N, C-alpha and C. Protein backbone atom coordinates (compact mmCIF):
# COMPACT_ATOMS: atom_id res chain seq x y z
N MET A 1 -108.19 32.22 115.91
CA MET A 1 -108.02 32.88 117.26
C MET A 1 -107.73 34.37 116.97
N ALA A 2 -108.26 35.31 117.73
CA ALA A 2 -107.99 36.67 117.48
C ALA A 2 -106.71 37.10 118.23
N PRO A 3 -106.09 38.16 117.71
CA PRO A 3 -104.63 38.59 118.36
C PRO A 3 -104.73 38.77 119.85
N GLN A 4 -105.82 39.20 120.34
CA GLN A 4 -105.96 39.51 121.87
C GLN A 4 -106.08 38.07 122.55
N GLN A 5 -106.82 37.22 121.95
CA GLN A 5 -106.90 35.85 122.55
C GLN A 5 -105.53 35.18 122.48
N GLN A 6 -104.79 35.28 121.42
CA GLN A 6 -103.46 34.68 121.38
C GLN A 6 -102.51 35.21 122.50
N SER A 7 -102.47 36.47 122.71
CA SER A 7 -101.61 37.06 123.68
C SER A 7 -102.03 36.66 125.05
N GLN A 8 -103.33 36.45 125.34
CA GLN A 8 -103.79 36.06 126.60
C GLN A 8 -103.38 34.60 126.84
N ALA A 9 -103.60 33.78 125.72
CA ALA A 9 -103.25 32.33 125.88
C ALA A 9 -101.77 32.22 126.18
N THR A 10 -100.82 32.93 125.48
CA THR A 10 -99.41 32.75 125.79
C THR A 10 -99.12 33.21 127.17
N GLN A 11 -99.80 34.22 127.72
CA GLN A 11 -99.61 34.66 129.06
C GLN A 11 -99.95 33.63 130.10
N GLN A 12 -101.03 32.90 129.75
CA GLN A 12 -101.54 31.84 130.72
C GLN A 12 -100.54 30.68 130.69
N GLU A 13 -100.00 30.43 129.57
CA GLU A 13 -99.01 29.25 129.40
C GLU A 13 -97.82 29.36 130.09
N GLN A 14 -97.24 30.57 130.13
CA GLN A 14 -96.00 30.88 130.67
C GLN A 14 -95.90 30.82 132.34
N PRO A 15 -95.19 30.13 132.91
CA PRO A 15 -95.16 30.05 134.35
C PRO A 15 -94.66 31.39 134.94
N LYS A 16 -95.27 31.87 136.00
CA LYS A 16 -94.84 33.05 136.48
C LYS A 16 -93.79 32.75 137.65
N VAL A 17 -92.62 33.61 137.50
CA VAL A 17 -91.68 33.48 138.40
C VAL A 17 -91.56 34.63 139.33
N SER A 18 -91.57 34.33 140.65
CA SER A 18 -91.60 35.47 141.54
C SER A 18 -90.33 35.34 142.35
N LEU A 19 -89.61 36.49 142.45
CA LEU A 19 -88.29 36.57 143.26
C LEU A 19 -88.66 37.48 144.42
N PRO A 20 -88.08 37.08 145.58
CA PRO A 20 -88.12 38.14 146.66
C PRO A 20 -87.52 39.41 146.18
N GLU A 21 -88.07 40.54 146.86
CA GLU A 21 -87.50 41.84 146.35
C GLU A 21 -86.10 42.03 146.45
N GLY A 22 -85.47 41.52 147.43
CA GLY A 22 -84.01 41.73 147.67
C GLY A 22 -83.13 40.94 146.62
N GLU A 23 -83.71 39.80 146.15
CA GLU A 23 -82.98 39.10 145.25
C GLU A 23 -83.04 39.67 143.74
N ALA A 24 -84.12 40.24 143.36
CA ALA A 24 -84.30 40.87 142.08
C ALA A 24 -83.31 41.98 141.99
N GLN A 25 -82.87 42.62 142.96
CA GLN A 25 -82.05 43.91 142.79
C GLN A 25 -80.52 43.54 142.91
N LYS A 26 -80.18 42.25 143.13
CA LYS A 26 -78.80 41.84 143.20
C LYS A 26 -78.19 41.74 141.77
N THR A 27 -77.19 42.39 141.55
CA THR A 27 -76.43 42.30 140.27
C THR A 27 -75.05 41.86 140.54
N GLN A 28 -74.53 41.01 139.63
CA GLN A 28 -73.18 40.55 139.74
C GLN A 28 -72.44 40.97 138.37
N PRO A 29 -71.26 41.35 138.53
CA PRO A 29 -70.53 41.69 137.33
C PRO A 29 -70.28 40.47 136.47
N ALA A 30 -70.23 40.53 135.11
CA ALA A 30 -70.00 39.43 134.31
C ALA A 30 -68.49 38.97 134.63
N PRO A 31 -68.35 37.67 134.50
CA PRO A 31 -66.98 37.11 134.82
C PRO A 31 -66.00 37.66 133.80
N ILE A 32 -64.77 37.96 134.22
CA ILE A 32 -63.82 38.43 133.37
C ILE A 32 -62.88 37.32 132.92
N LYS A 33 -62.69 37.29 131.65
CA LYS A 33 -61.88 36.26 131.08
C LYS A 33 -60.49 36.67 131.21
N SER A 34 -59.61 35.74 131.57
CA SER A 34 -58.16 36.01 131.79
C SER A 34 -57.63 36.35 130.38
N ALA A 35 -56.84 37.45 130.37
CA ALA A 35 -56.12 37.77 129.04
C ALA A 35 -55.07 36.61 128.81
N ARG A 36 -55.16 36.03 127.67
CA ARG A 36 -54.20 35.13 127.11
C ARG A 36 -53.30 35.75 126.08
N ALA A 37 -52.16 35.33 126.07
CA ALA A 37 -51.23 35.87 125.20
C ALA A 37 -51.65 35.21 123.80
N ARG A 38 -51.75 36.08 122.77
CA ARG A 38 -52.02 35.44 121.43
C ARG A 38 -50.80 34.75 120.90
N ARG A 39 -51.22 33.62 120.29
CA ARG A 39 -50.07 32.74 119.79
C ARG A 39 -50.25 32.55 118.22
N TYR A 40 -49.50 33.47 117.58
CA TYR A 40 -49.43 33.40 116.16
C TYR A 40 -48.10 32.88 115.75
N ASN A 41 -48.09 32.00 114.97
CA ASN A 41 -46.76 31.53 114.61
C ASN A 41 -46.71 31.35 113.03
N PHE A 42 -46.26 32.49 112.53
CA PHE A 42 -46.30 32.57 111.10
C PHE A 42 -45.03 31.89 110.55
N GLY A 43 -44.18 31.50 111.39
CA GLY A 43 -42.87 31.00 110.81
C GLY A 43 -41.75 32.01 110.65
N PRO A 44 -40.58 31.60 110.36
CA PRO A 44 -39.61 32.67 110.10
C PRO A 44 -40.01 33.58 108.94
N ARG A 45 -39.67 34.75 109.07
CA ARG A 45 -39.90 35.67 107.96
C ARG A 45 -38.76 35.77 107.03
N LYS A 46 -39.19 35.62 105.78
CA LYS A 46 -38.19 35.70 104.68
C LYS A 46 -37.55 36.92 104.58
N ALA A 47 -36.22 37.07 104.37
CA ALA A 47 -35.53 38.26 104.32
C ALA A 47 -35.83 39.03 103.10
N THR A 48 -36.15 40.32 103.31
CA THR A 48 -36.53 41.15 102.17
C THR A 48 -35.49 41.21 101.16
N ILE A 49 -34.36 41.52 101.56
CA ILE A 49 -33.23 41.39 100.59
C ILE A 49 -31.93 41.26 101.42
N LYS A 50 -31.12 40.46 100.75
CA LYS A 50 -29.68 40.23 101.44
C LYS A 50 -28.71 41.11 100.53
N ILE A 51 -27.77 41.62 101.23
CA ILE A 51 -26.72 42.52 100.56
C ILE A 51 -25.44 41.88 100.74
N SER A 52 -24.72 41.72 99.69
CA SER A 52 -23.41 41.00 99.77
C SER A 52 -22.46 42.03 100.36
N GLN A 53 -21.20 41.48 100.86
CA GLN A 53 -20.32 42.30 101.45
C GLN A 53 -19.76 43.40 100.55
N SER A 54 -19.49 43.03 99.35
CA SER A 54 -19.07 44.05 98.29
C SER A 54 -20.00 45.15 98.12
N ALA A 55 -21.29 44.78 97.99
CA ALA A 55 -22.36 45.78 97.86
C ALA A 55 -22.51 46.68 99.11
N VAL A 56 -22.33 46.11 100.37
CA VAL A 56 -22.40 46.88 101.56
C VAL A 56 -21.14 47.96 101.57
N GLU A 57 -20.12 47.50 101.03
CA GLU A 57 -18.91 48.54 101.14
C GLU A 57 -19.21 49.56 100.06
N HIS A 58 -19.64 49.26 98.89
CA HIS A 58 -19.96 50.31 97.92
C HIS A 58 -21.14 51.14 98.39
N LEU A 59 -22.20 50.60 98.94
CA LEU A 59 -23.36 51.43 99.50
C LEU A 59 -22.73 52.39 100.61
N ARG A 60 -21.86 51.81 101.44
CA ARG A 60 -21.27 52.69 102.56
C ARG A 60 -20.48 53.83 101.81
N ASP A 61 -19.75 53.52 100.83
CA ASP A 61 -19.06 54.71 100.10
C ASP A 61 -20.00 55.73 99.56
N LEU A 62 -21.18 55.30 99.00
CA LEU A 62 -22.03 56.13 98.39
C LEU A 62 -22.79 57.01 99.42
N LEU A 63 -23.06 56.45 100.64
CA LEU A 63 -23.65 57.11 101.75
C LEU A 63 -22.91 57.95 102.63
N ASP A 64 -21.48 57.82 102.53
CA ASP A 64 -20.60 58.64 103.30
C ASP A 64 -20.47 60.00 102.80
N GLN A 65 -20.87 60.29 101.50
CA GLN A 65 -20.85 61.53 100.82
C GLN A 65 -21.77 62.46 101.74
N PRO A 66 -21.57 63.88 101.61
CA PRO A 66 -22.25 64.70 102.40
C PRO A 66 -23.78 64.84 102.25
N GLU A 67 -24.10 64.80 100.83
CA GLU A 67 -25.60 65.01 100.64
C GLU A 67 -26.57 63.75 100.69
N PRO A 68 -26.36 62.62 100.09
CA PRO A 68 -27.31 61.68 100.27
C PRO A 68 -27.51 61.00 101.66
N LYS A 69 -28.65 60.78 102.08
CA LYS A 69 -28.93 60.22 103.33
C LYS A 69 -29.30 58.63 103.31
N LEU A 70 -30.17 58.39 102.40
CA LEU A 70 -30.51 56.92 102.14
C LEU A 70 -30.62 56.58 100.65
N ILE A 71 -30.72 55.24 100.38
CA ILE A 71 -30.90 54.91 99.05
C ILE A 71 -32.16 53.94 99.04
N ARG A 72 -33.08 54.23 98.11
CA ARG A 72 -34.31 53.47 98.02
C ARG A 72 -34.19 52.59 96.79
N ILE A 73 -34.48 51.28 96.97
CA ILE A 73 -34.50 50.35 95.91
C ILE A 73 -35.96 50.15 95.48
N GLY A 74 -36.22 50.22 94.14
CA GLY A 74 -37.47 49.93 93.67
C GLY A 74 -37.49 49.28 92.20
N THR A 75 -38.65 49.05 91.69
CA THR A 75 -38.65 48.72 90.33
C THR A 75 -39.55 49.69 89.54
N LYS A 76 -39.20 49.76 88.22
CA LYS A 76 -40.01 50.62 87.39
C LYS A 76 -40.32 49.88 86.03
N ALA A 77 -41.55 50.17 85.58
CA ALA A 77 -41.88 49.63 84.20
C ALA A 77 -40.91 50.03 83.16
N LYS A 78 -40.12 49.06 82.68
CA LYS A 78 -39.05 49.52 81.80
C LYS A 78 -38.52 48.25 81.04
N GLY A 79 -37.98 48.39 79.83
CA GLY A 79 -37.44 47.31 79.14
C GLY A 79 -38.36 46.44 78.37
N CYS A 80 -37.70 45.35 77.90
CA CYS A 80 -38.53 44.46 77.03
C CYS A 80 -39.29 43.57 77.85
N SER A 81 -38.94 43.13 79.08
CA SER A 81 -39.56 42.12 79.91
C SER A 81 -40.56 42.73 80.97
N GLY A 82 -40.58 44.06 81.05
CA GLY A 82 -41.54 44.59 81.94
C GLY A 82 -41.08 45.47 83.11
N LEU A 83 -40.05 45.05 83.78
CA LEU A 83 -39.62 45.70 85.02
C LEU A 83 -38.09 45.70 84.98
N ALA A 84 -37.62 46.92 85.59
CA ALA A 84 -36.20 47.07 85.87
C ALA A 84 -35.96 47.65 87.30
N TYR A 85 -34.74 47.34 87.83
CA TYR A 85 -34.51 47.87 89.16
C TYR A 85 -34.16 49.28 89.03
N HIS A 86 -34.52 50.04 90.12
CA HIS A 86 -34.38 51.47 90.04
C HIS A 86 -33.83 51.76 91.52
N LEU A 87 -32.63 52.47 91.61
CA LEU A 87 -32.10 53.00 92.85
C LEU A 87 -32.10 54.59 92.79
N GLU A 88 -32.55 55.14 93.92
CA GLU A 88 -32.49 56.68 94.03
C GLU A 88 -32.13 57.07 95.34
N TYR A 89 -31.53 58.27 95.43
CA TYR A 89 -31.21 58.87 96.79
C TYR A 89 -32.51 59.42 97.35
N THR A 90 -32.62 59.38 98.60
CA THR A 90 -33.71 60.14 99.38
C THR A 90 -33.29 60.59 100.68
N ASP A 91 -33.89 61.63 101.15
CA ASP A 91 -33.61 62.20 102.51
C ASP A 91 -34.26 61.39 103.72
N LYS A 92 -35.43 61.00 103.43
CA LYS A 92 -36.12 60.32 104.56
C LYS A 92 -36.94 59.19 103.99
N PRO A 93 -37.35 58.16 104.68
CA PRO A 93 -38.15 57.08 104.19
C PRO A 93 -39.62 57.59 104.18
N SER A 94 -40.35 56.98 103.23
CA SER A 94 -41.84 57.28 103.14
C SER A 94 -42.48 56.31 104.33
N LYS A 95 -43.71 56.47 104.57
CA LYS A 95 -44.36 55.67 105.62
C LYS A 95 -44.35 54.27 105.34
N LEU A 96 -44.46 53.82 104.04
CA LEU A 96 -44.68 52.33 103.78
C LEU A 96 -43.33 51.74 103.21
N ASP A 97 -42.19 52.56 103.27
CA ASP A 97 -41.00 51.82 102.76
C ASP A 97 -40.49 50.70 103.90
N GLU A 98 -39.94 49.72 103.45
CA GLU A 98 -39.32 48.75 104.30
C GLU A 98 -37.84 49.18 104.49
N VAL A 99 -37.40 49.21 105.75
CA VAL A 99 -36.02 49.56 106.05
C VAL A 99 -35.21 48.31 106.24
N VAL A 100 -34.14 48.07 105.50
CA VAL A 100 -33.24 46.99 105.67
C VAL A 100 -31.98 47.54 106.15
N GLU A 101 -31.31 46.91 107.19
CA GLU A 101 -30.10 47.32 107.71
C GLU A 101 -29.21 46.11 107.88
N GLN A 102 -28.02 46.26 107.19
CA GLN A 102 -27.14 45.23 107.29
C GLN A 102 -25.70 45.78 107.26
N ASP A 103 -24.93 45.39 108.27
CA ASP A 103 -23.58 45.83 108.63
C ASP A 103 -23.50 47.28 108.68
N GLY A 104 -24.47 47.88 109.30
CA GLY A 104 -24.45 49.35 109.52
C GLY A 104 -24.95 50.36 108.37
N VAL A 105 -25.33 49.58 107.22
CA VAL A 105 -25.83 50.15 106.07
C VAL A 105 -27.25 50.06 105.92
N LYS A 106 -28.03 51.22 105.85
CA LYS A 106 -29.53 51.15 105.69
C LYS A 106 -29.88 51.41 104.21
N VAL A 107 -30.84 50.59 103.74
CA VAL A 107 -31.44 50.81 102.39
C VAL A 107 -32.85 50.76 102.56
N LEU A 108 -33.71 51.37 101.77
CA LEU A 108 -35.10 51.37 101.70
C LEU A 108 -35.56 50.55 100.65
N ILE A 109 -36.60 49.68 100.74
CA ILE A 109 -37.32 49.01 99.75
C ILE A 109 -38.65 49.67 99.49
N ASP A 110 -38.93 50.20 98.34
CA ASP A 110 -40.08 50.85 97.92
C ASP A 110 -41.25 49.79 98.19
N ASN A 111 -42.30 50.16 98.86
CA ASN A 111 -43.35 49.28 99.17
C ASN A 111 -44.09 48.74 97.86
N LYS A 112 -44.05 49.53 96.76
CA LYS A 112 -44.65 49.10 95.48
C LYS A 112 -43.82 47.85 94.81
N ALA A 113 -42.53 47.87 95.22
CA ALA A 113 -41.62 46.87 94.52
C ALA A 113 -41.43 45.77 95.53
N LEU A 114 -41.97 45.69 96.72
CA LEU A 114 -41.61 44.69 97.76
C LEU A 114 -41.89 43.44 97.34
N LEU A 115 -42.92 42.97 96.71
CA LEU A 115 -43.35 41.60 96.33
C LEU A 115 -42.41 41.20 95.16
N ASN A 116 -41.85 42.18 94.30
CA ASN A 116 -41.02 41.85 93.34
C ASN A 116 -39.58 41.52 93.71
N ILE A 117 -39.28 42.13 94.80
CA ILE A 117 -37.85 42.10 95.25
C ILE A 117 -37.50 41.06 96.44
N ILE A 118 -38.63 40.78 97.09
CA ILE A 118 -38.47 39.90 98.36
C ILE A 118 -37.66 38.61 98.12
N GLY A 119 -36.67 38.43 98.91
CA GLY A 119 -35.93 37.18 98.84
C GLY A 119 -34.76 37.37 97.91
N SER A 120 -34.47 38.57 97.38
CA SER A 120 -33.40 38.71 96.33
C SER A 120 -31.99 38.98 97.10
N GLU A 121 -31.01 38.96 96.41
CA GLU A 121 -29.71 39.33 96.84
C GLU A 121 -29.06 40.35 96.06
N MET A 122 -28.57 41.42 96.71
CA MET A 122 -27.90 42.50 95.94
C MET A 122 -26.42 42.39 96.09
N ASP A 123 -25.77 42.47 94.96
CA ASP A 123 -24.42 42.33 94.87
C ASP A 123 -23.74 43.54 94.07
N TRP A 124 -22.47 43.66 94.29
CA TRP A 124 -21.76 44.83 93.48
C TRP A 124 -20.82 44.06 92.46
N LEU A 125 -20.94 44.42 91.18
CA LEU A 125 -20.17 43.80 90.15
C LEU A 125 -19.15 44.82 89.70
N ASP A 126 -17.89 44.54 89.70
CA ASP A 126 -16.86 45.55 89.29
C ASP A 126 -15.75 44.77 88.40
N ASP A 127 -16.11 44.84 87.07
CA ASP A 127 -15.33 44.07 86.22
C ASP A 127 -14.61 45.07 85.25
N LYS A 128 -13.94 44.50 84.13
CA LYS A 128 -13.24 45.43 83.22
C LYS A 128 -14.15 46.27 82.34
N LEU A 129 -15.40 45.86 82.13
CA LEU A 129 -16.46 46.64 81.31
C LEU A 129 -17.21 47.67 82.08
N ASN A 130 -17.63 47.19 83.27
CA ASN A 130 -18.54 48.10 83.96
C ASN A 130 -18.59 47.96 85.48
N GLN A 131 -19.14 48.83 86.20
CA GLN A 131 -19.34 48.66 87.60
C GLN A 131 -20.85 48.87 87.79
N ARG A 132 -21.49 47.94 88.56
CA ARG A 132 -22.98 48.09 88.70
C ARG A 132 -23.42 47.26 89.86
N PHE A 133 -24.64 47.50 90.42
CA PHE A 133 -25.19 46.62 91.31
C PHE A 133 -26.02 45.55 90.51
N ILE A 134 -25.95 44.28 90.91
CA ILE A 134 -26.65 43.35 90.26
C ILE A 134 -27.52 42.49 91.22
N PHE A 135 -28.69 42.01 90.87
CA PHE A 135 -29.69 41.38 91.76
C PHE A 135 -29.89 39.97 91.36
N LYS A 136 -29.85 39.09 92.31
CA LYS A 136 -30.11 37.61 91.99
C LYS A 136 -31.57 37.51 92.73
N ASN A 137 -32.52 37.35 91.84
CA ASN A 137 -33.88 37.33 92.24
C ASN A 137 -34.52 36.00 92.02
N PRO A 138 -35.07 35.31 92.93
CA PRO A 138 -35.67 34.01 92.83
C PRO A 138 -37.10 34.10 92.32
N ASN A 139 -37.66 35.33 92.24
CA ASN A 139 -39.02 35.61 91.80
C ASN A 139 -39.17 35.73 90.33
N ILE A 140 -38.02 35.85 89.59
CA ILE A 140 -38.09 36.27 88.18
C ILE A 140 -38.63 34.94 87.36
N THR A 141 -39.51 35.26 86.49
CA THR A 141 -40.08 34.25 85.60
C THR A 141 -39.54 34.30 84.29
N GLU A 142 -39.33 35.60 83.81
CA GLU A 142 -38.74 35.88 82.52
C GLU A 142 -37.70 37.00 82.60
N GLN A 143 -36.74 37.00 81.78
CA GLN A 143 -35.61 37.99 81.69
C GLN A 143 -35.27 38.23 80.28
N CYS A 144 -35.04 39.40 80.01
CA CYS A 144 -34.66 39.83 78.58
C CYS A 144 -33.19 39.33 78.37
N GLY A 145 -32.70 39.31 77.16
CA GLY A 145 -31.46 38.90 76.83
C GLY A 145 -30.26 39.60 77.45
N CYS A 146 -30.39 40.85 77.52
CA CYS A 146 -29.34 41.75 78.10
C CYS A 146 -29.35 41.63 79.64
N GLY A 147 -30.35 41.19 80.32
CA GLY A 147 -30.37 41.05 81.67
C GLY A 147 -30.93 42.33 82.41
N GLU A 148 -31.29 43.36 81.67
CA GLU A 148 -31.64 44.69 82.24
C GLU A 148 -33.12 44.69 82.84
N SER A 149 -33.93 43.91 82.13
CA SER A 149 -35.30 43.85 82.65
C SER A 149 -35.85 42.50 82.92
N PHE A 150 -36.93 42.35 83.60
CA PHE A 150 -37.39 41.05 84.13
C PHE A 150 -38.93 41.11 84.35
N SER A 151 -39.55 40.00 84.52
CA SER A 151 -40.83 39.90 84.91
C SER A 151 -40.99 38.84 85.99
N VAL A 152 -42.06 38.98 86.85
CA VAL A 152 -42.28 38.05 87.87
C VAL A 152 -43.76 37.68 87.83
N SER A 153 -44.09 36.61 88.31
CA SER A 153 -45.49 36.11 88.23
C SER A 153 -46.23 36.24 89.65
């Protein structure tokens, strides 16, 4: 069959629908779906970091000085196991820092270290030999003998 004959044959097979002129011009808006509240239930969010009372007190002492405004907690590639905790003073948070506030003390978590630190507990150790912050981190898979560096999977 030639192309012209095919198009004529299909036109003849289709039934013709005729609407009165007034009916053809009526339009109705599409039905509006009612807005439903989205229901996302991701469960309770795991705390980024918990800060012990002794660490809160020491952080408060550090932040009460005139110059430093905030302390950022992060990790750096260092030591024999790969990572070490790094604390630094900063004037303002970066866009991606996680802000943790506990008992009136604000600390920042560096976004690059967030997955390495999440769920940790920060404590202040004051013994006869030294004074320092220590971290109890459930994500650690390996730790060096001295305890300064660690790795996570």
